C-alpha atoms as a PDB file:
ATOM      1  CA  UNK A   1       0.000   0.000   0.000  1.00  0.00           C
ATOM      2  CA  UNK A   2       1.382   3.424  -0.952  1.00  0.00           C
ATOM      3  CA  UNK A   3       0.426   6.668   0.747  1.00  0.00           C
ATOM      4  CA  UNK A   4       0.874  10.274  -0.261  1.00  0.00           C
ATOM      5  CA  UNK A   5       3.286  12.792   1.282  1.00  0.00           C
ATOM      6  CA  UNK A   6       2.017  16.245   0.399  1.00  0.00           C
ATOM      7  CA  UNK A   7       4.039  19.451   0.411  1.00  0.00           C
ATOM      8  CA  UNK A   8       2.277  22.810   0.508  1.00  0.00           C
ATOM      9  CA  UNK A   9       3.657  24.117  -2.790  1.00  0.00           C
ATOM     10  CA  UNK A  10       5.264  21.196  -4.556  1.00  0.00           C
ATOM     11  CA  UNK A  11       2.490  18.586  -4.571  1.00  0.00           C
ATOM     12  CA  UNK A  12       2.347  14.959  -3.501  1.00  0.00           C
ATOM     13  CA  UNK A  13       4.894  12.163  -3.315  1.00  0.00           C
ATOM     14  CA  UNK A  14       3.915   8.481  -3.160  1.00  0.00           C
ATOM     15  CA  UNK A  15       5.832   6.464  -0.614  1.00  0.00           C
ATOM     16  CA  UNK A  16       6.006   2.770   0.279  1.00  0.00           C
ATOM     17  CA  UNK A  17       5.352   2.293   4.030  1.00  0.00           C
ATOM     18  CA  UNK A  18       7.310  -1.003   3.990  1.00  0.00           C
ATOM     19  CA  UNK A  19      10.471   0.952   3.112  1.00  0.00           C
ATOM     20  CA  UNK A  20       9.597   4.068   5.118  1.00  0.00           C
ATOM     21  CA  UNK A  21      12.115   5.382   7.649  1.00  0.00           C
ATOM     22  CA  UNK A  22      13.300   8.678   9.086  1.00  0.00           C
ATOM     23  CA  UNK A  23      15.922   8.982   6.354  1.00  0.00           C
ATOM     24  CA  UNK A  24      13.320   8.237   3.648  1.00  0.00           C
ATOM     25  CA  UNK A  25      11.277  11.162   5.023  1.00  0.00           C
ATOM     26  CA  UNK A  26      14.329  13.449   4.883  1.00  0.00           C
ATOM     27  CA  UNK A  27      15.152  12.297   1.333  1.00  0.00           C
ATOM     28  CA  UNK A  28      11.541  12.856   0.183  1.00  0.00           C
ATOM     29  CA  UNK A  29      11.583  16.366   1.675  1.00  0.00           C
ATOM     30  CA  UNK A  30      14.868  17.161  -0.065  1.00  0.00           C
ATOM     31  CA  UNK A  31      13.432  15.903  -3.380  1.00  0.00           C
ATOM     32  CA  UNK A  32      10.643  18.469  -2.903  1.00  0.00           C
ATOM     33  CA  UNK A  33      13.272  21.239  -2.747  1.00  0.00           C
ATOM     34  CA  UNK A  34      13.813  21.675   0.997  1.00  0.00           C
ATOM     35  CA  UNK A  35      17.581  21.157   1.154  1.00  0.00           C
ATOM     36  CA  UNK A  36      18.528  22.676   4.529  1.00  0.00           C
ATOM     37  CA  UNK A  37      16.109  20.810   6.820  1.00  0.00           C
ATOM     38  CA  UNK A  38      16.350  21.849  10.483  1.00  0.00           C
ATOM     39  CA  UNK A  39      13.322  20.144  12.082  1.00  0.00           C
ATOM     40  CA  UNK A  40      10.399  18.019  10.930  1.00  0.00           C
ATOM     41  CA  UNK A  41       6.984  17.766  12.599  1.00  0.00           C
ATOM     42  CA  UNK A  42       3.835  15.829  11.773  1.00  0.00           C
ATOM     43  CA  UNK A  43       0.381  16.700  13.049  1.00  0.00           C
ATOM     44  CA  UNK A  44      -2.078  14.389  14.786  1.00  0.00           C
ATOM     45  CA  UNK A  45      -5.378  16.006  15.833  1.00  0.00           C
ATOM     46  CA  UNK A  46      -3.870  19.523  16.131  1.00  0.00           C
ATOM     47  CA  UNK A  47      -0.817  18.316  18.078  1.00  0.00           C
ATOM     48  CA  UNK A  48       2.597  18.609  16.425  1.00  0.00           C
ATOM     49  CA  UNK A  49       4.977  15.705  17.033  1.00  0.00           C
ATOM     50  CA  UNK A  50       8.679  16.182  16.325  1.00  0.00           C
ATOM     51  CA  UNK A  51       9.998  13.575  13.889  1.00  0.00           C
ATOM     52  CA  UNK A  52      13.462  12.409  14.958  1.00  0.00           C
ATOM     53  CA  UNK A  53      13.653   8.662  14.269  1.00  0.00           C
ATOM     54  CA  UNK A  54      12.222   5.617  12.503  1.00  0.00           C
ATOM     55  CA  UNK A  55       9.628   5.103  15.234  1.00  0.00           C
ATOM     56  CA  UNK A  56       8.113   8.511  14.459  1.00  0.00           C
ATOM     57  CA  UNK A  57       8.239   7.784  10.725  1.00  0.00           C
ATOM     58  CA  UNK A  58       6.290   4.554  11.249  1.00  0.00           C
ATOM     59  CA  UNK A  59       3.797   6.428  13.431  1.00  0.00           C
ATOM     60  CA  UNK A  60       3.267   8.769  10.458  1.00  0.00           C
ATOM     61  CA  UNK A  61       2.309   5.700   8.392  1.00  0.00           C
ATOM     62  CA  UNK A  62      -0.239   4.678  11.036  1.00  0.00           C
ATOM     63  CA  UNK A  63      -1.657   8.218  11.147  1.00  0.00           C
ATOM     64  CA  UNK A  64      -1.987   8.232   7.337  1.00  0.00           C
ATOM     65  CA  UNK A  65      -3.723   4.839   7.385  1.00  0.00           C
ATOM     66  CA  UNK A  66      -6.137   5.900  10.131  1.00  0.00           C
ATOM     67  CA  UNK A  67      -6.938   9.471   8.995  1.00  0.00           C
ATOM     68  CA  UNK A  68      -6.316   9.067   5.264  1.00  0.00           C
ATOM     69  CA  UNK A  69      -3.411  11.530   5.232  1.00  0.00           C
ATOM     70  CA  UNK A  70      -0.733  13.066   7.423  1.00  0.00           C
ATOM     71  CA  UNK A  71       0.344  16.700   7.526  1.00  0.00           C
ATOM     72  CA  UNK A  72       4.080  17.274   7.610  1.00  0.00           C
ATOM     73  CA  UNK A  73       5.689  20.565   8.668  1.00  0.00           C
ATOM     74  CA  UNK A  74       9.306  21.303   7.756  1.00  0.00           C
ATOM     75  CA  UNK A  75      11.454  23.943   9.438  1.00  0.00           C
ATOM     76  CA  UNK A  76      14.213  24.840   7.005  1.00  0.00           C
ATOM     77  CA  UNK A  77      16.706  27.577   6.344  1.00  0.00           C
ATOM     78  CA  UNK A  78      17.129  29.526   3.128  1.00  0.00           C
ATOM     79  CA  UNK A  79      20.141  31.021   1.390  1.00  0.00           C
ATOM     80  CA  UNK A  80      21.245  34.244   3.062  1.00  0.00           C
ATOM     81  CA  UNK A  81      22.409  35.943  -0.117  1.00  0.00           C
ATOM     82  CA  UNK A  82      19.725  36.992  -2.638  1.00  0.00           C
ATOM     83  CA  UNK A  83      20.578  36.565  -6.308  1.00  0.00           C
ATOM     84  CA  UNK A  84      21.110  39.815  -8.248  1.00  0.00           C
ATOM     85  CA  UNK A  85      20.815  39.702 -12.043  1.00  0.00           C
ATOM     86  CA  UNK A  86      20.830  42.362 -14.724  1.00  0.00           C
ATOM     87  CA  UNK A  87      17.957  42.461 -17.201  1.00  0.00           C
ATOM     88  CA  UNK A  88      18.014  43.679 -20.824  1.00  0.00           C
ATOM     89  CA  UNK A  89      17.514  47.316 -19.783  1.00  0.00           C
ATOM     90  CA  UNK A  90      20.668  47.091 -17.609  1.00  0.00           C
ATOM     91  CA  UNK A  91      18.731  47.601 -14.382  1.00  0.00           C
ATOM     92  CA  UNK A  92      19.582  45.482 -11.405  1.00  0.00           C
ATOM     93  CA  UNK A  93      16.802  43.127 -10.359  1.00  0.00           C
ATOM     94  CA  UNK A  94      16.757  41.474  -6.953  1.00  0.00           C
ATOM     95  CA  UNK A  95      15.422  37.917  -6.953  1.00  0.00           C
ATOM     96  CA  UNK A  96      14.244  36.561  -3.612  1.00  0.00           C
ATOM     97  CA  UNK A  97      13.193  32.944  -3.419  1.00  0.00           C
ATOM     98  CA  UNK A  98      11.954  33.077   0.179  1.00  0.00           C
ATOM     99  CA  UNK A  99      10.972  35.692   2.725  1.00  0.00           C
ATOM    100  CA  UNK A 100      11.708  35.638   6.424  1.00  0.00           C
ATOM    101  CA  UNK A 101       9.379  33.717   8.707  1.00  0.00           C
ATOM    102  CA  UNK A 102       7.776  35.854  11.399  1.00  0.00           C
ATOM    103  CA  UNK A 103       6.262  33.594  14.001  1.00  0.00           C
ATOM    104  CA  UNK A 104       5.063  36.447  16.198  1.00  0.00           C
ATOM    105  CA  UNK A 105       1.610  36.758  17.712  1.00  0.00           C
ATOM    106  CA  UNK A 106       0.035  38.479  14.687  1.00  0.00           C
ATOM    107  CA  UNK A 107       1.955  36.691  11.919  1.00  0.00           C
ATOM    108  CA  UNK A 108      -0.892  34.276  11.020  1.00  0.00           C
ATOM    109  CA  UNK A 109       1.676  31.669  10.027  1.00  0.00           C
ATOM    110  CA  UNK A 110      -0.328  28.549   9.224  1.00  0.00           C
ATOM    111  CA  UNK A 111      -3.637  30.406   8.974  1.00  0.00           C
ATOM    112  CA  UNK A 112      -6.269  31.353  11.524  1.00  0.00           C
ATOM    113  CA  UNK A 113      -7.311  27.802  12.387  1.00  0.00           C
ATOM    114  CA  UNK A 114      -7.235  26.092  15.775  1.00  0.00           C
ATOM    115  CA  UNK A 115      -4.122  26.357  17.883  1.00  0.00           C
ATOM    116  CA  UNK A 116      -1.801  23.367  17.974  1.00  0.00           C
ATOM    117  CA  UNK A 117       0.297  21.994  20.796  1.00  0.00           C
ATOM    118  CA  UNK A 118       3.937  21.114  20.110  1.00  0.00           C
ATOM    119  CA  UNK A 119       5.370  17.980  21.693  1.00  0.00           C
ATOM    120  CA  UNK A 120       8.867  16.582  21.445  1.00  0.00           C
END
Protein backbone atom coordinates (compact mmCIF):
# COMPACT_ATOMS: atom_id res chain seq x y z
CA UNK A 1 0.00 0.00 0.00
CA UNK A 2 1.38 3.42 -0.95
CA UNK A 3 0.43 6.67 0.75
CA UNK A 4 0.87 10.27 -0.26
CA UNK A 5 3.29 12.79 1.28
CA UNK A 6 2.02 16.25 0.40
CA UNK A 7 4.04 19.45 0.41
CA UNK A 8 2.28 22.81 0.51
CA UNK A 9 3.66 24.12 -2.79
CA UNK A 10 5.26 21.20 -4.56
CA UNK A 11 2.49 18.59 -4.57
CA UNK A 12 2.35 14.96 -3.50
CA UNK A 13 4.89 12.16 -3.31
CA UNK A 14 3.91 8.48 -3.16
CA UNK A 15 5.83 6.46 -0.61
CA UNK A 16 6.01 2.77 0.28
CA UNK A 17 5.35 2.29 4.03
CA UNK A 18 7.31 -1.00 3.99
CA UNK A 19 10.47 0.95 3.11
CA UNK A 20 9.60 4.07 5.12
CA UNK A 21 12.12 5.38 7.65
CA UNK A 22 13.30 8.68 9.09
CA UNK A 23 15.92 8.98 6.35
CA UNK A 24 13.32 8.24 3.65
CA UNK A 25 11.28 11.16 5.02
CA UNK A 26 14.33 13.45 4.88
CA UNK A 27 15.15 12.30 1.33
CA UNK A 28 11.54 12.86 0.18
CA UNK A 29 11.58 16.37 1.68
CA UNK A 30 14.87 17.16 -0.06
CA UNK A 31 13.43 15.90 -3.38
CA UNK A 32 10.64 18.47 -2.90
CA UNK A 33 13.27 21.24 -2.75
CA UNK A 34 13.81 21.67 1.00
CA UNK A 35 17.58 21.16 1.15
CA UNK A 36 18.53 22.68 4.53
CA UNK A 37 16.11 20.81 6.82
CA UNK A 38 16.35 21.85 10.48
CA UNK A 39 13.32 20.14 12.08
CA UNK A 40 10.40 18.02 10.93
CA UNK A 41 6.98 17.77 12.60
CA UNK A 42 3.84 15.83 11.77
CA UNK A 43 0.38 16.70 13.05
CA UNK A 44 -2.08 14.39 14.79
CA UNK A 45 -5.38 16.01 15.83
CA UNK A 46 -3.87 19.52 16.13
CA UNK A 47 -0.82 18.32 18.08
CA UNK A 48 2.60 18.61 16.42
CA UNK A 49 4.98 15.71 17.03
CA UNK A 50 8.68 16.18 16.32
CA UNK A 51 10.00 13.58 13.89
CA UNK A 52 13.46 12.41 14.96
CA UNK A 53 13.65 8.66 14.27
CA UNK A 54 12.22 5.62 12.50
CA UNK A 55 9.63 5.10 15.23
CA UNK A 56 8.11 8.51 14.46
CA UNK A 57 8.24 7.78 10.73
CA UNK A 58 6.29 4.55 11.25
CA UNK A 59 3.80 6.43 13.43
CA UNK A 60 3.27 8.77 10.46
CA UNK A 61 2.31 5.70 8.39
CA UNK A 62 -0.24 4.68 11.04
CA UNK A 63 -1.66 8.22 11.15
CA UNK A 64 -1.99 8.23 7.34
CA UNK A 65 -3.72 4.84 7.38
CA UNK A 66 -6.14 5.90 10.13
CA UNK A 67 -6.94 9.47 9.00
CA UNK A 68 -6.32 9.07 5.26
CA UNK A 69 -3.41 11.53 5.23
CA UNK A 70 -0.73 13.07 7.42
CA UNK A 71 0.34 16.70 7.53
CA UNK A 72 4.08 17.27 7.61
CA UNK A 73 5.69 20.56 8.67
CA UNK A 74 9.31 21.30 7.76
CA UNK A 75 11.45 23.94 9.44
CA UNK A 76 14.21 24.84 7.01
CA UNK A 77 16.71 27.58 6.34
CA UNK A 78 17.13 29.53 3.13
CA UNK A 79 20.14 31.02 1.39
CA UNK A 80 21.25 34.24 3.06
CA UNK A 81 22.41 35.94 -0.12
CA UNK A 82 19.72 36.99 -2.64
CA UNK A 83 20.58 36.56 -6.31
CA UNK A 84 21.11 39.82 -8.25
CA UNK A 85 20.81 39.70 -12.04
CA UNK A 86 20.83 42.36 -14.72
CA UNK A 87 17.96 42.46 -17.20
CA UNK A 88 18.01 43.68 -20.82
CA UNK A 89 17.51 47.32 -19.78
CA UNK A 90 20.67 47.09 -17.61
CA UNK A 91 18.73 47.60 -14.38
CA UNK A 92 19.58 45.48 -11.40
CA UNK A 93 16.80 43.13 -10.36
CA UNK A 94 16.76 41.47 -6.95
CA UNK A 95 15.42 37.92 -6.95
CA UNK A 96 14.24 36.56 -3.61
CA UNK A 97 13.19 32.94 -3.42
CA UNK A 98 11.95 33.08 0.18
CA UNK A 99 10.97 35.69 2.72
CA UNK A 100 11.71 35.64 6.42
CA UNK A 101 9.38 33.72 8.71
CA UNK A 102 7.78 35.85 11.40
CA UNK A 103 6.26 33.59 14.00
CA UNK A 104 5.06 36.45 16.20
CA UNK A 105 1.61 36.76 17.71
CA UNK A 106 0.04 38.48 14.69
CA UNK A 107 1.95 36.69 11.92
CA UNK A 108 -0.89 34.28 11.02
CA UNK A 109 1.68 31.67 10.03
CA UNK A 110 -0.33 28.55 9.22
CA UNK A 111 -3.64 30.41 8.97
CA UNK A 112 -6.27 31.35 11.52
CA UNK A 113 -7.31 27.80 12.39
CA UNK A 114 -7.24 26.09 15.77
CA UNK A 115 -4.12 26.36 17.88
CA UNK A 116 -1.80 23.37 17.97
CA UNK A 117 0.30 21.99 20.80
CA UNK A 118 3.94 21.11 20.11
CA UNK A 119 5.37 17.98 21.69
CA UNK A 120 8.87 16.58 21.45
